[in-house]
Every structure is written in structure tokens, then in C-alpha cells.
């Protein structure tokens, strides 16, 4: 099913559901699988959150760090991933520009799809906003297919529902492919 079909099919189901406080969150996915000038991937992700804070994007909740197999499966190093809920006055478009600017500041060079990376910052969701014609595309078009997004998201927003489809987080996690592995690295959040 295409993202556009999900938007159309999910709209009615979502309208019939009660809104959860988790549904209104602005969500950012963080990932890295190479060391950077800031240190190992967990250090880089922490530095990225501090840099966002300097720009007025305040972390409200942060998942544990998760160690996850690359998608698609490859021989590159496993990733460290997290999801953060943030408070910001920026509109979604400006927030995406800021995320890309911070990636560039941290040394990310976009080369080939699914390449190893020093840092990856993704705008996953902006409340219940649904936008297929972006940028940004909201919610992130592949987030519902990624253990490295959904499992950390469950740490901070267990009642979250996909804005386009209305499916709850537990159902999305249950349908993940078995080859996607993500395990928590620490207990802080």
C-alpha cells in the first residue's frame, strides 16, 4: 500500500478515535553508526540533542539508546538509535531545514542511500499533521516499517498512533519484519 493510500484509508479510522496526548508530539529520530568528532554514536546523538537545544528545540522526552541492525541488512556497523519528543516554535519545514543543517555541521555527507553515517536526524512526526506533498513528508513515510524507530518510540509515547493510518504503536511493532533487530542499550530515558 502506498503512503498516499495509507493517508486516504486511515483518515476515517483516525477521525473516529479519541486523541491521545502522545498523538500531538513532535518526534525526531536520531541515529548513527560511525564515530564522529563528538565520539562514539551515543556521544554524537547526545551532542545533536544539545545542539538542537541551543537552537530552541527542547527535548521533552528521550528514549533509551537502542542498538539496531542496519536496514536493509548489510555488513556495516550496527546503529545506535533514539527517538526524542521535542517542543519547538519552528514550523515543520523550518525544523527539517535545521535538522539537515545540524547533520552537515556534524560532518554528514549524503552519498548513497543506506550508507553508514556519522549522524542521521529525521523528522518523524509533527503532531497529527499529514503531508504527502512535502518536504517534509509527514509522518516520515518509512517510520511504520522500522524497528529502530518504533521500539524507541514505545519508550516515550506508548499510546502514539500513526497520524495517516490511525494504527496504534503496538500494532505497528507487531507487524515489523523479523529480520529487524533493535535492543535497548541503557535504561535512562
Protein backbone atom coordinates (compact mmCIF):
# COMPACT_ATOMS: atom_id res chain seq x y z
CA UNK A 1 0.00 0.00 0.00
CA UNK A 2 1.42 3.39 -0.94
CA UNK A 3 1.80 6.20 1.52
CA UNK A 4 -0.94 8.15 -0.29
CA UNK A 5 -3.32 5.16 0.04
CA UNK A 6 -2.49 4.94 3.74
CA UNK A 7 -3.44 8.59 4.07
CA UNK A 8 -6.80 8.05 2.41
CA UNK A 9 -7.64 4.75 4.16
CA UNK A 10 -6.50 5.89 7.58
CA UNK A 11 -8.30 9.22 7.68
CA UNK A 12 -11.71 7.76 8.56
CA UNK A 13 -10.33 5.40 11.21
CA UNK A 14 -8.29 8.17 12.79
CA UNK A 15 -11.24 10.56 12.89
CA UNK A 16 -13.24 8.00 14.89
CA UNK A 17 -10.57 7.55 17.56
CA UNK A 18 -10.04 9.54 20.71
CA UNK A 19 -6.87 11.58 20.67
CA UNK A 20 -4.05 10.53 22.99
CA UNK A 21 -1.63 13.11 24.38
CA UNK A 22 1.09 11.10 22.61
CA UNK A 23 -0.54 11.87 19.24
CA UNK A 24 0.35 15.56 19.41
CA UNK A 25 4.10 15.11 19.82
CA UNK A 26 6.77 16.46 17.51
CA UNK A 27 9.10 13.47 17.05
CA UNK A 28 12.69 13.33 15.88
CA UNK A 29 14.56 10.12 15.09
CA UNK A 30 18.28 10.05 15.79
CA UNK A 31 20.80 7.52 14.53
CA UNK A 32 24.50 6.97 13.93
CA UNK A 33 26.77 4.02 13.24
CA UNK A 34 30.16 5.69 12.78
CA UNK A 35 32.29 7.62 15.28
CA UNK A 36 32.32 11.40 14.84
CA UNK A 37 34.26 14.36 16.22
CA UNK A 38 31.97 14.02 19.27
CA UNK A 39 32.95 10.40 19.97
CA UNK A 40 31.08 7.16 19.58
CA UNK A 41 27.49 7.16 18.27
CA UNK A 42 25.82 7.66 21.69
CA UNK A 43 28.05 10.70 22.28
CA UNK A 44 27.14 12.07 18.84
CA UNK A 45 23.41 11.65 19.47
CA UNK A 46 23.74 13.42 22.82
CA UNK A 47 25.66 16.25 21.15
CA UNK A 48 22.95 16.55 18.50
CA UNK A 49 20.26 16.92 21.18
CA UNK A 50 22.35 19.61 22.90
CA UNK A 51 22.78 21.40 19.56
CA UNK A 52 19.02 21.29 18.97
CA UNK A 53 18.52 22.76 22.45
CA UNK A 54 20.87 25.64 21.53
CA UNK A 55 18.54 26.33 18.59
CA UNK A 56 15.46 26.43 20.83
CA UNK A 57 14.30 22.88 20.10
CA UNK A 58 13.86 21.49 23.61
CA UNK A 59 13.84 17.76 24.32
CA UNK A 60 10.69 16.92 26.27
CA UNK A 61 11.24 13.12 26.31
CA UNK A 62 14.03 10.89 25.01
CA UNK A 63 14.02 7.14 24.56
CA UNK A 64 16.78 4.90 25.68
CA UNK A 65 19.53 4.35 23.14
CA UNK A 66 18.88 1.29 21.03
CA UNK A 67 21.40 -0.86 19.19
CA UNK A 68 19.90 -1.81 15.85
CA UNK A 69 20.78 -3.80 12.77
CA UNK A 70 21.08 -1.73 9.57
CA UNK A 71 18.07 -1.71 7.25
CA UNK A 72 18.41 -3.24 4.76
CA UNK A 73 20.63 -5.85 6.41
CA UNK A 74 24.27 -5.30 5.49
CA UNK A 75 27.78 -5.78 6.84
CA UNK A 76 28.11 -2.17 8.04
CA UNK A 77 28.25 -1.47 11.79
CA UNK A 78 25.01 -1.62 13.75
CA UNK A 79 23.36 1.70 14.54
CA UNK A 80 22.65 3.47 17.78
CA UNK A 81 19.17 4.97 17.59
CA UNK A 82 16.83 7.02 19.75
CA UNK A 83 13.62 8.97 19.41
CA UNK A 84 13.05 12.35 21.03
CA UNK A 85 9.85 14.28 21.54
CA UNK A 86 10.61 17.98 21.28
CA UNK A 87 8.98 21.33 21.91
CA UNK A 88 9.62 23.96 19.27
CA UNK A 89 8.17 27.15 17.83
CA UNK A 90 9.52 26.17 14.41
CA UNK A 91 7.13 25.01 11.73
CA UNK A 92 7.79 21.55 10.31
CA UNK A 93 9.54 22.87 7.20
CA UNK A 94 11.95 25.03 9.24
CA UNK A 95 12.59 22.18 11.67
CA UNK A 96 13.56 19.86 8.81
CA UNK A 97 15.96 22.52 7.46
CA UNK A 98 17.50 22.82 10.93
CA UNK A 99 17.93 19.03 11.23
CA UNK A 100 19.73 18.93 7.87
CA UNK A 101 21.91 21.88 8.84
CA UNK A 102 22.96 20.16 12.09
CA UNK A 103 23.72 16.95 10.18
CA UNK A 104 26.01 18.96 7.89
CA UNK A 105 27.67 20.71 10.87
CA UNK A 106 28.36 17.28 12.36
CA UNK A 107 30.04 16.14 9.15
CA UNK A 108 27.33 14.14 7.43
CA UNK A 109 27.80 13.89 3.69
CA UNK A 110 24.87 12.40 1.79
CA UNK A 111 26.34 9.94 -0.69
CA UNK A 112 24.44 6.72 -1.37
CA UNK A 113 21.15 5.53 0.09
CA UNK A 114 21.51 3.48 3.30
CA UNK A 115 25.21 4.34 3.67
CA UNK A 116 26.88 4.27 7.09
CA UNK A 117 26.59 7.66 8.75
CA UNK A 118 28.03 9.88 11.44
CA UNK A 119 24.58 11.25 12.22
CA UNK A 120 21.03 10.92 10.94
CA UNK A 121 18.28 13.24 12.14
CA UNK A 122 14.77 12.57 10.83
CA UNK A 123 11.57 14.49 11.39
CA UNK A 124 9.29 11.55 12.14
CA UNK A 125 6.03 13.28 13.03
CA UNK A 126 4.77 16.77 13.67
CA UNK A 127 1.75 16.17 15.87
CA UNK A 128 -1.10 14.77 13.82
CA UNK A 129 -0.06 16.64 10.68
CA UNK A 130 -0.25 14.56 7.50
CA UNK A 131 1.52 15.87 4.42
CA UNK A 132 2.25 13.73 1.37
CA UNK A 133 3.49 16.52 -0.89
CA UNK A 134 6.36 17.86 1.29
CA UNK A 135 9.10 18.35 2.10
CA UNK A 136 8.62 17.40 4.72
CA UNK A 137 6.53 14.31 4.12
CA UNK A 138 4.66 13.74 7.37
CA UNK A 139 4.68 11.42 9.09
CA UNK A 140 8.01 10.06 7.86
CA UNK A 141 7.00 7.66 5.07
CA UNK A 142 9.01 4.65 6.33
CA UNK A 143 8.76 5.08 10.09
CA UNK A 144 6.00 2.46 10.43
CA UNK A 145 8.33 -0.13 8.87
CA UNK A 146 11.37 0.44 11.09
CA UNK A 147 12.08 -1.28 14.39
CA UNK A 148 14.80 1.31 15.10
CA UNK A 149 12.06 3.96 15.15
CA UNK A 150 9.06 2.15 16.63
CA UNK A 151 10.78 0.40 19.54
CA UNK A 152 12.43 3.60 20.86
CA UNK A 153 9.16 5.46 20.27
CA UNK A 154 7.43 2.98 22.58
CA UNK A 155 9.78 4.12 25.37
CA UNK A 156 8.41 7.66 25.29
CA UNK A 157 4.96 7.50 23.68
CA UNK A 158 3.40 4.05 24.10
CA UNK A 159 -0.08 5.34 23.17
CA UNK A 160 1.04 7.03 19.94
CA UNK A 161 -0.95 6.33 16.78
CA UNK A 162 0.22 6.79 13.21
CA UNK A 163 -1.34 10.05 12.00
CA UNK A 164 -2.01 8.78 8.47
CA UNK A 165 -3.31 5.28 9.20
CA UNK A 166 -4.64 5.52 12.75
CA UNK A 167 -2.82 2.28 13.68
CA UNK A 168 -1.55 2.17 17.24
CA UNK A 169 2.08 1.65 18.08
CA UNK A 170 1.63 -1.88 19.43
CA UNK A 171 0.04 -2.99 16.14
CA UNK A 172 2.82 -1.38 14.13
CA UNK A 173 5.50 -3.10 16.21
CA UNK A 174 3.72 -6.46 15.88
CA UNK A 175 3.89 -6.28 12.07
CA UNK A 176 7.62 -5.50 11.86
CA UNK A 177 9.75 -7.89 9.78
CA UNK A 178 11.58 -10.43 11.92
CA UNK A 179 14.98 -9.54 10.45
CA UNK A 180 14.80 -6.06 12.01
CA UNK A 181 16.58 -6.25 15.31
CA UNK A 182 16.67 -3.47 17.90
CA UNK A 183 17.73 -3.94 21.50
CA UNK A 184 17.89 -1.33 24.29
CA UNK A 185 21.41 -0.29 25.28
CA UNK A 186 20.72 1.54 28.53
CA UNK A 187 17.95 2.23 30.99
CA UNK A 188 17.88 6.04 31.06
CA UNK A 189 15.32 7.93 29.07
